[in-house]
Amino acid sequence: MRRNRLPLVLALVVAPAVAQSCPNRGLQQINAANETPVHSAQISPDGEWIAYSWGAPTVSPGIRTQLRRFDGSQPTPVRTVLLGTFQVVDVTWRDSGTAQELFFTSATLLNGINSVYRATLPPVTVQQDLVELSWIGLKLQAYPFKGTYCGVGTDNTNQNHLFWKTPGSSTKNVVLTTTDALVAYEVDATERYLLYSRARPIGSSVAEELWRYDIVGQQHKRLTTGGPSLLWLSRGATFVNDAQNRDILQSFGLQNQSPIRFALQTVEVNGALELHTNGVFEEFKELYGHPTQLANPATPKRWVLASGRDHATLMLDRICLMPVDGGGEVVLDRQLSAYSGQSMDRDAKRIAMRNSLNTLFAMQTDRPLRIQPTARVGQTSTLDQPVTATEIGSVFFSGGVAPPVVIPPYCGSLELDPATMFTLYSGLGDPSGAITVPIAIPNDPALRGTALYFQGLRVDTITLAGDVSRLVRLRIL
């Protein structure tokens, strides 16, 4: 490591005289100005389409479910419901690897008829898969492989009904009826287990618990307390959730933290915990991972999306791309309005999300730096910088951040604190597609809680085009 910025200086010396054309790295609005409010949205597994529902049941044209290309072009109607009668609740994709299907729900406001629709494309064809007459609300989660999906229906006595169903079957299987809030639920890749999170009122507080239902054995098992978001990681074995509860943090000696911050962890089916990342956000919002990518533990470089808010930074909401097994947080965007409904394609290259202003956005991740696994004192993490064989790659790190500085003519901006910036490495790209460098963390307990910040620079030796990578924050446990 060197306290210099020589690679950055050299890159500026050989920079082309004419600035390259840089794509906008920020959020790009996808929906038209009149398409509001946006209720639900999700990007397709291949990243080419974004499905969303928008409109109001009392305002013409009513509620619509429609598709747009990732760049916002080619608006394609899927279904328009009757004005004043229907309300579309949820949209989600199924990914079989060879085909893409869209599942979405609608609810009749007048008589409580709920339906699940199944659309295939292209061209778009729609068929009804489930009709439920006794529920006044319906939320849905689709299964990404064979098609089994699960959902929660609410009746007029505020009972929540957790169910799973195979498309085309005439039977829906209700496995739990409760007044507890069911805030997250998903079928695993073997179709053996249904994992769900329930919020139990205890006095004036709420206890969030994670449960597993065995579809074959028809038994429920409480796994652990946890937060409102969960993801299957590997064929019925592990999942990710957020941890804000003091009993979970206490098991890792973190109970004295103030404030309690979001933590990424896995919980085995036997209830054993493993903490991967701590201190990502002060206030957690959502966690998302593409099911196709997460379901196979052999898949390299699996990512999850996490969003939240840091009260110490002007109440800015932040959305990050994070390695599943912990490590550096790739900061994708920060803004005042809250994020919601984020999703990404199976390759973690394209992202779609909404904000609190009911605007639909899309974004590309731009070959981010990847640091994994969790940084712990006395252990070594690994940094991967995606580069081609004709690119020169450099990575810098610092102990803090500074206002973004554009480095003409390259794309992106530098956000590292120049007063504490070091060069980690610089070298020619590797034919494998990435330069890999170890990051050894000294065995010093005083480093726990420290944050380091990283950014990379890539310059193509043939075209001289280059870009500065997105900021990555690495917190040491």
Protein backbone atom coordinates (compact mmCIF):
# COMPACT_ATOMS: atom_id res chain seq x y z
CA MET A 1 0.00 0.00 0.00
CA ARG A 2 1.34 3.44 -0.88
CA ARG A 3 0.36 6.92 0.24
CA ASN A 4 0.23 8.23 -3.30
CA ARG A 5 -2.07 8.60 -6.24
CA LEU A 6 0.45 7.81 -8.99
CA PRO A 7 -1.88 5.51 -10.99
CA LEU A 8 -4.52 8.23 -10.93
CA VAL A 9 -2.01 10.83 -12.12
CA LEU A 10 -0.73 8.55 -14.89
CA ALA A 11 -4.28 7.90 -16.02
CA LEU A 12 -4.85 11.63 -16.33
CA VAL A 13 -1.64 12.06 -18.36
CA VAL A 14 -2.67 9.48 -20.94
CA ALA A 15 -6.30 10.62 -20.95
CA PRO A 16 -7.84 11.25 -24.36
CA ALA A 17 -8.25 14.87 -25.36
CA VAL A 18 -11.96 14.38 -26.10
CA ALA A 19 -14.19 13.31 -23.21
CA GLN A 20 -15.89 9.95 -23.58
CA SER A 21 -19.65 9.58 -23.54
CA CYS A 22 -20.66 8.56 -20.02
CA PRO A 23 -23.95 6.89 -19.14
CA ASN A 24 -25.95 8.39 -16.30
CA ARG A 25 -25.17 6.32 -13.22
CA GLY A 26 -28.04 7.71 -11.24
CA LEU A 27 -31.65 6.56 -11.12
CA GLN A 28 -33.46 6.88 -14.44
CA GLN A 29 -37.22 7.44 -14.34
CA ILE A 30 -39.07 4.72 -16.23
CA ASN A 31 -42.76 5.48 -15.86
CA ALA A 32 -44.50 8.31 -17.71
CA ALA A 33 -45.50 11.42 -15.76
CA ASN A 34 -49.20 10.47 -15.79
CA GLU A 35 -48.52 6.90 -14.58
CA THR A 36 -49.01 7.52 -10.89
CA PRO A 37 -49.19 6.29 -8.22
CA VAL A 38 -46.99 3.24 -8.80
CA HIS A 39 -48.16 0.40 -6.53
CA SER A 40 -45.80 -2.46 -7.28
CA ALA A 41 -42.87 -3.06 -9.62
CA GLN A 42 -40.31 -5.74 -10.37
CA ILE A 43 -37.60 -6.22 -12.99
CA SER A 44 -37.64 -9.39 -15.10
CA PRO A 45 -35.05 -12.14 -14.48
CA ASP A 46 -33.18 -11.28 -17.69
CA GLY A 47 -33.23 -7.55 -16.90
CA GLU A 48 -34.99 -6.60 -20.14
CA TRP A 49 -38.46 -5.73 -18.79
CA ILE A 50 -39.93 -3.96 -15.78
CA ALA A 51 -43.46 -4.91 -14.77
CA TYR A 52 -45.48 -2.50 -12.64
CA SER A 53 -49.00 -1.50 -11.66
CA TRP A 54 -50.16 2.08 -11.45
CA GLY A 55 -53.25 4.26 -11.22
CA ALA A 56 -56.17 4.79 -8.87
CA PRO A 57 -59.45 2.84 -8.79
CA THR A 58 -61.50 6.05 -8.91
CA VAL A 59 -59.50 7.91 -11.57
CA SER A 60 -59.56 7.04 -15.29
CA PRO A 61 -58.19 4.76 -16.67
CA GLY A 62 -58.28 2.86 -13.35
CA ILE A 63 -55.53 0.42 -12.33
CA ARG A 64 -53.20 -0.92 -15.01
CA THR A 65 -50.56 -3.62 -15.05
CA GLN A 66 -48.01 -2.97 -17.76
CA LEU A 67 -44.47 -3.60 -18.97
CA ARG A 68 -41.69 -1.32 -20.14
CA ARG A 69 -38.23 -2.02 -21.42
CA PHE A 70 -35.37 -1.37 -19.01
CA ASP A 71 -34.70 1.96 -20.75
CA GLY A 72 -38.36 2.99 -20.39
CA SER A 73 -39.32 2.36 -24.00
CA GLN A 74 -42.00 0.10 -25.48
CA PRO A 75 -44.87 0.46 -22.97
CA THR A 76 -46.81 -2.80 -23.21
CA PRO A 77 -50.23 -3.18 -21.50
CA VAL A 78 -50.81 -6.45 -19.68
CA ARG A 79 -54.20 -5.83 -18.15
CA THR A 80 -56.41 -2.82 -17.47
CA VAL A 81 -59.06 -3.26 -14.80
CA LEU A 82 -62.47 -1.63 -14.62
CA LEU A 83 -62.62 1.91 -13.28
CA GLY A 84 -63.87 2.03 -9.71
CA THR A 85 -63.94 -1.74 -9.36
CA PHE A 86 -60.48 -3.29 -9.11
CA GLN A 87 -57.21 -2.63 -7.38
CA VAL A 88 -54.03 -4.38 -8.44
CA VAL A 89 -52.00 -5.28 -5.36
CA ASP A 90 -48.77 -7.01 -6.39
CA VAL A 91 -46.66 -8.07 -9.38
CA THR A 92 -43.79 -10.57 -9.38
CA TRP A 93 -41.85 -12.70 -11.87
CA ARG A 94 -41.17 -16.40 -12.18
CA ASP A 95 -37.89 -17.51 -13.75
CA SER A 96 -37.60 -21.07 -15.06
CA GLY A 97 -34.29 -20.39 -16.82
CA THR A 98 -35.87 -20.78 -20.26
CA ALA A 99 -39.09 -18.80 -19.87
CA GLN A 100 -40.39 -15.79 -17.98
CA GLU A 101 -43.84 -15.47 -16.48
CA LEU A 102 -45.44 -12.58 -14.66
CA PHE A 103 -47.81 -13.12 -11.72
CA PHE A 104 -50.02 -10.31 -10.46
CA THR A 105 -53.06 -9.90 -8.25
CA SER A 106 -56.23 -7.84 -8.33
CA ALA A 107 -58.96 -7.26 -5.76
CA THR A 108 -62.56 -6.27 -6.39
CA LEU A 109 -63.32 -3.41 -4.04
CA LEU A 110 -67.08 -3.93 -4.18
CA ASN A 111 -67.47 -7.59 -3.26
CA GLY A 112 -64.07 -8.84 -2.04
CA ILE A 113 -63.22 -11.07 -5.03
CA ASN A 114 -59.43 -11.57 -5.23
CA SER A 115 -57.65 -13.07 -8.21
CA VAL A 116 -54.16 -14.13 -9.23
CA TYR A 117 -53.29 -13.73 -12.91
CA ARG A 118 -50.47 -15.36 -14.82
CA ALA A 119 -49.01 -13.69 -17.93
CA THR A 120 -46.46 -15.11 -20.37
CA LEU A 121 -44.42 -13.11 -22.88
CA PRO A 122 -43.73 -12.41 -25.62
CA PRO A 123 -46.37 -11.88 -26.90
CA VAL A 124 -48.33 -11.16 -23.75
CA THR A 125 -51.05 -13.68 -22.91
CA VAL A 126 -52.99 -13.57 -19.62
CA GLN A 127 -54.95 -16.24 -17.79
CA GLN A 128 -56.62 -16.35 -14.38
CA ASP A 129 -55.01 -18.80 -11.95
CA LEU A 130 -56.79 -18.22 -8.62
CA VAL A 131 -60.14 -16.75 -7.59
CA GLU A 132 -60.84 -16.17 -3.90
CA LEU A 133 -64.26 -14.86 -2.81
CA SER A 134 -63.78 -14.52 0.96
CA TRP A 135 -60.71 -12.28 1.22
CA ILE A 136 -60.61 -8.51 1.07
CA GLY A 137 -56.86 -8.31 0.42
CA LEU A 138 -54.21 -10.46 -1.24
CA LYS A 139 -50.41 -10.23 -1.39
CA LEU A 140 -48.22 -12.51 -3.41
CA GLN A 141 -44.77 -14.04 -3.66
CA ALA A 142 -43.93 -16.10 -6.74
CA TYR A 143 -41.56 -19.02 -6.82
CA PRO A 144 -38.77 -18.61 -9.43
CA PHE A 145 -38.39 -22.13 -10.82
CA LYS A 146 -41.24 -24.61 -11.21
CA GLY A 147 -43.91 -22.04 -10.48
CA THR A 148 -45.18 -22.74 -6.97
CA TYR A 149 -46.03 -19.44 -5.35
CA CYS A 150 -47.16 -18.38 -1.90
CA GLY A 151 -49.14 -15.47 -0.59
CA VAL A 152 -51.20 -14.02 2.22
CA GLY A 153 -54.92 -13.29 2.06
CA THR A 154 -56.76 -11.16 4.60
CA ASP A 155 -60.43 -11.64 5.41
CA ASN A 156 -62.95 -9.15 6.79
CA THR A 157 -62.18 -10.20 10.40
CA ASN A 158 -58.49 -9.23 9.93
CA GLN A 159 -57.36 -12.87 9.90
CA ASN A 160 -54.30 -13.46 7.69
CA HIS A 161 -54.18 -16.70 5.70
CA LEU A 162 -50.75 -17.95 4.55
CA PHE A 163 -51.02 -20.26 1.52
CA TRP A 164 -49.05 -21.88 -1.27
CA LYS A 165 -50.30 -22.95 -4.69
CA THR A 166 -49.09 -24.61 -7.88
CA PRO A 167 -50.16 -22.72 -11.04
CA GLY A 168 -52.93 -24.54 -12.86
CA SER A 169 -54.00 -26.46 -9.79
CA SER A 170 -57.54 -25.97 -8.51
CA THR A 171 -56.37 -26.15 -4.88
CA LYS A 172 -54.75 -23.50 -2.73
CA ASN A 173 -53.15 -24.83 0.45
CA VAL A 174 -53.70 -22.65 3.53
CA VAL A 175 -51.06 -23.52 6.14
CA LEU A 176 -51.60 -20.80 8.75
CA THR A 177 -54.43 -18.52 9.86
CA THR A 178 -53.48 -15.81 12.36
CA THR A 179 -54.05 -12.22 13.37
CA ASP A 180 -50.26 -11.76 13.50
CA ALA A 181 -48.83 -9.68 10.69
CA LEU A 182 -47.11 -11.88 8.07
CA VAL A 183 -44.51 -9.56 6.62
CA ALA A 184 -42.35 -11.84 4.45
CA TYR A 185 -42.78 -15.33 3.01
CA GLU A 186 -41.15 -17.48 0.37
CA VAL A 187 -41.05 -21.09 -0.89
CA ASP A 188 -37.56 -22.60 -1.08
CA ALA A 189 -35.99 -24.04 -4.22
CA THR A 190 -36.87 -27.65 -3.37
CA GLU A 191 -40.52 -26.69 -2.83
CA ARG A 192 -40.21 -28.46 0.52
CA TYR A 193 -40.27 -25.48 2.89
CA LEU A 194 -42.23 -22.27 3.20
CA LEU A 195 -40.30 -19.70 5.20
CA TYR A 196 -42.20 -16.82 6.76
CA SER A 197 -41.80 -13.94 9.19
CA ARG A 198 -44.55 -13.05 11.64
CA ALA A 199 -44.90 -10.08 13.98
CA ARG A 200 -46.48 -10.99 17.32
CA PRO A 201 -47.85 -8.24 19.59
CA ILE A 202 -46.46 -8.61 23.12
CA GLY A 203 -47.86 -5.94 25.40
CA SER A 204 -47.01 -2.58 23.86
CA SER A 205 -44.22 -3.99 21.65
CA VAL A 206 -43.97 -6.37 18.70
CA ALA A 207 -41.78 -9.49 18.53
CA GLU A 208 -40.70 -10.49 15.03
CA GLU A 209 -40.08 -14.21 14.54
CA LEU A 210 -38.88 -16.36 11.65
CA TRP A 211 -40.66 -19.66 11.04
CA ARG A 212 -40.33 -22.60 8.65
CA TYR A 213 -43.28 -24.68 7.45
CA ASP A 214 -42.52 -28.19 6.16
CA ILE A 215 -44.90 -28.69 3.21
CA VAL A 216 -44.34 -32.46 3.24
CA GLY A 217 -44.41 -33.00 7.00
CA GLN A 218 -47.01 -30.24 7.48
CA GLN A 219 -45.27 -28.88 10.57
CA HIS A 220 -44.29 -25.37 11.68
CA LYS A 221 -40.94 -24.70 13.34
CA ARG A 222 -39.80 -21.43 14.93
CA LEU A 223 -36.23 -20.67 13.86
CA THR A 224 -35.31 -17.43 15.55
CA THR A 225 -36.34 -13.89 16.25
CA GLY A 226 -35.46 -11.57 13.43
CA GLY A 227 -36.53 -8.77 11.17
CA PRO A 228 -39.08 -8.18 8.47
CA SER A 229 -37.13 -9.42 5.45
CA LEU A 230 -35.85 -12.85 4.51
CA LEU A 231 -34.36 -14.66 1.54
CA TRP A 232 -33.61 -18.29 0.84
CA LEU A 233 -29.94 -18.86 0.09
CA SER A 234 -29.60 -22.55 -0.67
CA ARG A 235 -32.20 -25.23 -1.24
CA GLY A 236 -33.89 -25.31 2.12
CA ALA A 237 -30.69 -24.81 4.11
CA THR A 238 -30.03 -21.16 4.89
CA PHE A 239 -31.60 -17.77 4.55
CA VAL A 240 -30.75 -14.12 5.08
CA ASN A 241 -32.67 -11.76 7.29
CA ASP A 242 -32.07 -8.47 9.00
CA ALA A 243 -31.27 -8.35 12.70
CA GLN A 244 -32.19 -5.40 14.86
CA ASN A 245 -33.20 -7.33 17.98
CA ARG A 246 -30.98 -7.01 21.05
CA ASP A 247 -31.01 -10.75 21.78
CA ILE A 248 -29.49 -11.48 18.37
CA LEU A 249 -26.87 -8.75 18.72
CA GLN A 250 -26.12 -9.94 22.25
CA SER A 251 -25.15 -13.36 20.93
CA PHE A 252 -22.35 -11.61 19.02
CA GLY A 253 -21.33 -9.30 21.86
CA LEU A 254 -22.86 -6.27 20.15
CA GLN A 255 -25.67 -5.56 22.60
CA ASN A 256 -24.13 -2.28 23.75
CA GLN A 257 -24.36 -0.67 20.32
CA SER A 258 -26.28 2.57 20.17
CA PRO A 259 -28.18 2.90 17.99
CA ILE A 260 -28.87 -0.71 17.03
CA ARG A 261 -28.02 -1.03 13.35
CA PHE A 262 -29.02 -3.35 10.56
CA ALA A 263 -27.04 -6.59 10.32
CA LEU A 264 -26.92 -9.18 7.54
CA GLN A 265 -26.87 -12.73 8.87
CA THR A 266 -27.69 -16.29 7.95
CA VAL A 267 -29.74 -18.61 10.10
CA GLU A 268 -29.40 -22.35 9.58
CA VAL A 269 -32.51 -24.52 9.71
CA ASN A 270 -31.37 -25.68 13.15
CA GLY A 271 -31.39 -22.08 14.36
CA ALA A 272 -27.61 -21.50 14.43
CA LEU A 273 -26.71 -17.88 13.62
CA GLU A 274 -23.81 -16.47 11.64
CA LEU A 275 -23.36 -12.72 11.47
CA HIS A 276 -21.93 -11.42 8.19
CA THR A 277 -22.24 -7.65 8.19
CA ASN A 278 -23.06 -5.22 10.97
CA GLY A 279 -23.71 -1.49 11.07
CA VAL A 280 -24.98 -1.07 7.52
CA PHE A 281 -27.91 1.19 8.41
CA GLU A 282 -29.33 2.79 11.51
CA GLU A 283 -32.85 2.26 10.18
CA PHE A 284 -33.46 -0.75 7.94
CA LYS A 285 -35.99 -0.65 5.10
CA GLU A 286 -35.84 -3.60 2.69
CA LEU A 287 -33.70 -6.56 1.64
CA TYR A 288 -33.90 -8.21 -1.79
CA GLY A 289 -32.02 -10.91 -3.66
CA HIS A 290 -32.89 -12.52 -6.97
CA PRO A 291 -34.22 -16.01 -6.15
CA THR A 292 -32.56 -17.71 -9.14
CA GLN A 293 -29.15 -16.46 -8.06
CA LEU A 294 -29.61 -17.04 -4.35
CA ALA A 295 -31.07 -20.55 -4.58
CA ASN A 296 -27.83 -22.16 -5.79
CA PRO A 297 -25.00 -21.98 -3.22
CA ALA A 298 -22.49 -22.78 -5.99
CA THR A 299 -23.38 -19.57 -7.84
CA PRO A 300 -20.32 -17.28 -7.65
CA LYS A 301 -20.55 -13.71 -6.48
CA ARG A 302 -24.11 -13.69 -5.19
CA TRP A 303 -25.49 -10.30 -4.19
CA VAL A 304 -28.35 -8.87 -2.16
CA LEU A 305 -29.86 -5.39 -2.30
CA ALA A 306 -30.40 -3.56 0.98
CA SER A 307 -31.88 -0.15 1.62
CA GLY A 308 -32.08 1.94 4.76
CA ARG A 309 -31.40 5.27 6.36
CA ASP A 310 -28.55 6.77 8.38
CA HIS A 311 -29.84 9.45 10.74
CA ALA A 312 -26.37 10.93 11.10
CA THR A 313 -26.18 11.78 7.39
CA LEU A 314 -29.00 14.29 6.94
CA MET A 315 -31.62 11.52 6.97
CA LEU A 316 -30.54 10.33 3.54
CA ASP A 317 -31.89 7.00 2.37
CA ARG A 318 -29.25 4.74 0.88
CA ILE A 319 -29.44 1.63 -1.29
CA CYS A 320 -26.49 -0.78 -1.38
CA LEU A 321 -25.42 -3.90 -3.23
CA MET A 322 -23.88 -6.38 -0.78
CA PRO A 323 -22.19 -9.81 -1.05
CA VAL A 324 -24.39 -12.53 0.39
CA ASP A 325 -21.64 -13.75 2.72
CA GLY A 326 -20.84 -10.26 3.99
CA GLY A 327 -18.19 -7.71 3.08
CA GLY A 328 -18.16 -4.35 1.33
CA GLU A 329 -21.33 -2.36 0.74
CA VAL A 330 -21.50 -0.90 -2.79
CA VAL A 331 -23.33 2.41 -2.45
CA LEU A 332 -25.64 2.73 -5.46
CA ASP A 333 -27.64 5.83 -4.59
CA ARG A 334 -28.51 8.26 -1.80
CA GLN A 335 -31.51 10.58 -1.71
CA LEU A 336 -34.03 12.18 0.63
CA SER A 337 -37.09 10.23 -0.51
CA ALA A 338 -37.39 6.65 0.72
CA TYR A 339 -36.75 3.65 -1.51
CA SER A 340 -39.19 0.76 -1.73
CA GLY A 341 -39.94 -2.26 -3.87
CA GLN A 342 -36.37 -2.74 -5.10
CA SER A 343 -35.52 -5.73 -7.30
CA MET A 344 -32.68 -6.84 -9.58
CA ASP A 345 -32.10 -9.24 -12.43
CA ARG A 346 -30.55 -12.68 -12.00
CA ASP A 347 -27.05 -11.34 -12.86
CA ALA A 348 -27.21 -8.36 -10.46
CA LYS A 349 -26.47 -5.98 -13.34
CA ARG A 350 -29.78 -4.09 -13.48
CA ILE A 351 -32.01 -2.76 -10.71
CA ALA A 352 -35.53 -1.37 -10.50
CA MET A 353 -37.13 0.40 -7.55
CA ARG A 354 -39.74 2.93 -6.48
CA ASN A 355 -39.44 5.89 -4.16
CA SER A 356 -41.83 7.54 -1.74
CA LEU A 357 -42.95 9.91 -4.51
CA ASN A 358 -44.34 6.92 -6.49
CA THR A 359 -41.76 7.24 -9.24
CA LEU A 360 -40.38 4.12 -10.93
CA PHE A 361 -36.61 4.06 -11.49
CA ALA A 362 -34.01 1.83 -13.10
CA MET A 363 -30.24 1.68 -12.63
CA GLN A 364 -27.20 -0.31 -13.80
CA THR A 365 -24.64 -1.53 -11.26
CA ASP A 366 -21.60 -0.84 -13.50
CA ARG A 367 -19.17 -3.67 -12.64
CA PRO A 368 -18.74 -2.79 -8.94
CA LEU A 369 -15.79 -3.66 -6.71
CA ARG A 370 -16.53 -6.72 -4.60
CA ILE A 371 -15.02 -7.26 -1.14
CA GLN A 372 -15.85 -10.48 0.71
CA PRO A 373 -16.32 -12.11 3.12
CA THR A 374 -17.02 -10.16 6.27
CA ALA A 375 -14.00 -8.13 7.41
CA ARG A 376 -12.92 -9.31 10.87
CA VAL A 377 -9.89 -8.39 12.95
CA GLY A 378 -7.03 -10.82 12.39
CA GLN A 379 -8.57 -12.25 9.21
CA THR A 380 -8.28 -11.65 5.46
CA SER A 381 -10.94 -10.48 3.02
CA THR A 382 -10.63 -10.55 -0.77
CA LEU A 383 -11.17 -7.65 -3.18
CA ASP A 384 -12.15 -8.32 -6.80
CA GLN A 385 -12.00 -5.55 -9.40
CA PRO A 386 -13.78 -6.50 -12.64
CA VAL A 387 -11.45 -5.64 -15.55
CA THR A 388 -10.84 -6.91 -19.05
CA ALA A 389 -7.45 -8.08 -20.32
CA THR A 390 -6.91 -4.71 -22.04
CA GLU A 391 -7.71 -2.55 -19.02
CA ILE A 392 -5.41 -1.15 -16.33
CA GLY A 393 -7.03 -1.47 -12.90
CA SER A 394 -6.24 0.57 -9.79
CA VAL A 395 -7.89 0.61 -6.39
CA PHE A 396 -7.64 3.31 -3.72
CA PHE A 397 -8.89 3.37 -0.14
CA SER A 398 -9.29 5.92 2.61
CA GLY A 399 -10.60 6.32 6.13
CA GLY A 400 -13.36 8.71 5.11
CA VAL A 401 -15.32 10.23 2.27
CA ALA A 402 -15.42 13.67 0.67
CA PRO A 403 -17.79 15.48 -1.74
CA PRO A 404 -17.76 13.80 -5.17
CA VAL A 405 -15.11 15.08 -7.60
CA VAL A 406 -15.40 14.40 -11.34
CA ILE A 407 -12.15 13.34 -13.01
CA PRO A 408 -12.41 14.38 -16.68
CA PRO A 409 -12.65 12.71 -19.05
CA TYR A 410 -13.52 9.55 -17.13
CA CYS A 411 -16.97 8.44 -16.08
CA GLY A 412 -17.97 8.49 -12.44
CA SER A 413 -16.61 10.60 -9.60
CA LEU A 414 -14.10 10.17 -6.78
CA GLU A 415 -15.61 10.26 -3.27
CA LEU A 416 -12.62 9.24 -1.13
CA ASP A 417 -11.09 11.63 1.38
CA PRO A 418 -7.84 12.80 -0.31
CA ALA A 419 -6.18 13.47 3.05
CA THR A 420 -6.31 9.78 4.01
CA MET A 421 -6.23 8.15 0.56
CA PHE A 422 -3.80 5.32 -0.21
CA THR A 423 -3.15 3.23 -3.31
CA LEU A 424 -3.97 -0.43 -2.67
CA TYR A 425 -2.69 -1.69 -6.03
CA SER A 426 -2.41 -0.94 -9.74
CA GLY A 427 -1.89 -3.39 -12.58
CA LEU A 428 -2.95 -4.76 -15.96
CA GLY A 429 -6.21 -6.63 -16.19
CA ASP A 430 -6.45 -10.39 -16.03
CA PRO A 431 -7.98 -12.63 -18.76
CA SER A 432 -10.19 -14.14 -16.04
CA GLY A 433 -12.11 -10.86 -15.93
CA ALA A 434 -11.02 -9.65 -12.48
CA ILE A 435 -7.97 -8.64 -10.49
CA THR A 436 -8.01 -10.25 -7.03
CA VAL A 437 -6.15 -8.74 -4.08
CA PRO A 438 -6.14 -9.88 -0.41
CA ILE A 439 -6.98 -7.37 2.32
CA ALA A 440 -5.42 -8.48 5.62
CA ILE A 441 -7.07 -6.95 8.69
CA PRO A 442 -4.61 -6.51 11.62
CA ASN A 443 -5.42 -8.44 14.76
CA ASP A 444 -6.27 -5.32 16.74
CA PRO A 445 -9.60 -5.25 18.66
CA ALA A 446 -9.57 -1.45 18.50
CA LEU A 447 -10.34 -1.73 14.77
CA ARG A 448 -13.79 -3.19 15.40
CA GLY A 449 -16.43 -0.81 14.10
CA THR A 450 -13.94 1.03 11.87
CA ALA A 451 -15.06 1.76 8.31
CA LEU A 452 -12.76 1.83 5.27
CA TYR A 453 -13.82 3.19 1.89
CA PHE A 454 -12.69 1.90 -1.52
CA GLN A 455 -12.95 3.01 -5.15
CA GLY A 456 -11.35 1.70 -8.32
CA LEU A 457 -10.24 3.22 -11.61
CA ARG A 458 -10.30 1.31 -14.91
CA VAL A 459 -8.63 2.60 -18.08
CA ASP A 460 -8.72 0.74 -21.40
CA THR A 461 -5.22 0.69 -22.92
CA ILE A 462 -6.62 0.66 -26.47
CA THR A 463 -9.44 3.22 -26.41
CA LEU A 464 -8.17 5.12 -23.33
CA ALA A 465 -11.76 5.19 -22.07
CA GLY A 466 -12.10 4.76 -18.34
CA ASP A 467 -14.35 4.97 -15.31
CA VAL A 468 -14.20 5.40 -11.55
CA SER A 469 -16.11 2.65 -9.74
CA ARG A 470 -18.85 3.20 -7.21
CA LEU A 471 -17.93 3.81 -3.58
CA VAL A 472 -17.61 0.71 -1.36
CA ARG A 473 -17.76 0.85 2.44
CA LEU A 474 -16.17 -1.96 4.47
CA ARG A 475 -16.91 -2.14 8.19
CA ILE A 476 -14.64 -4.28 10.38
CA LEU A 477 -16.18 -6.65 12.95
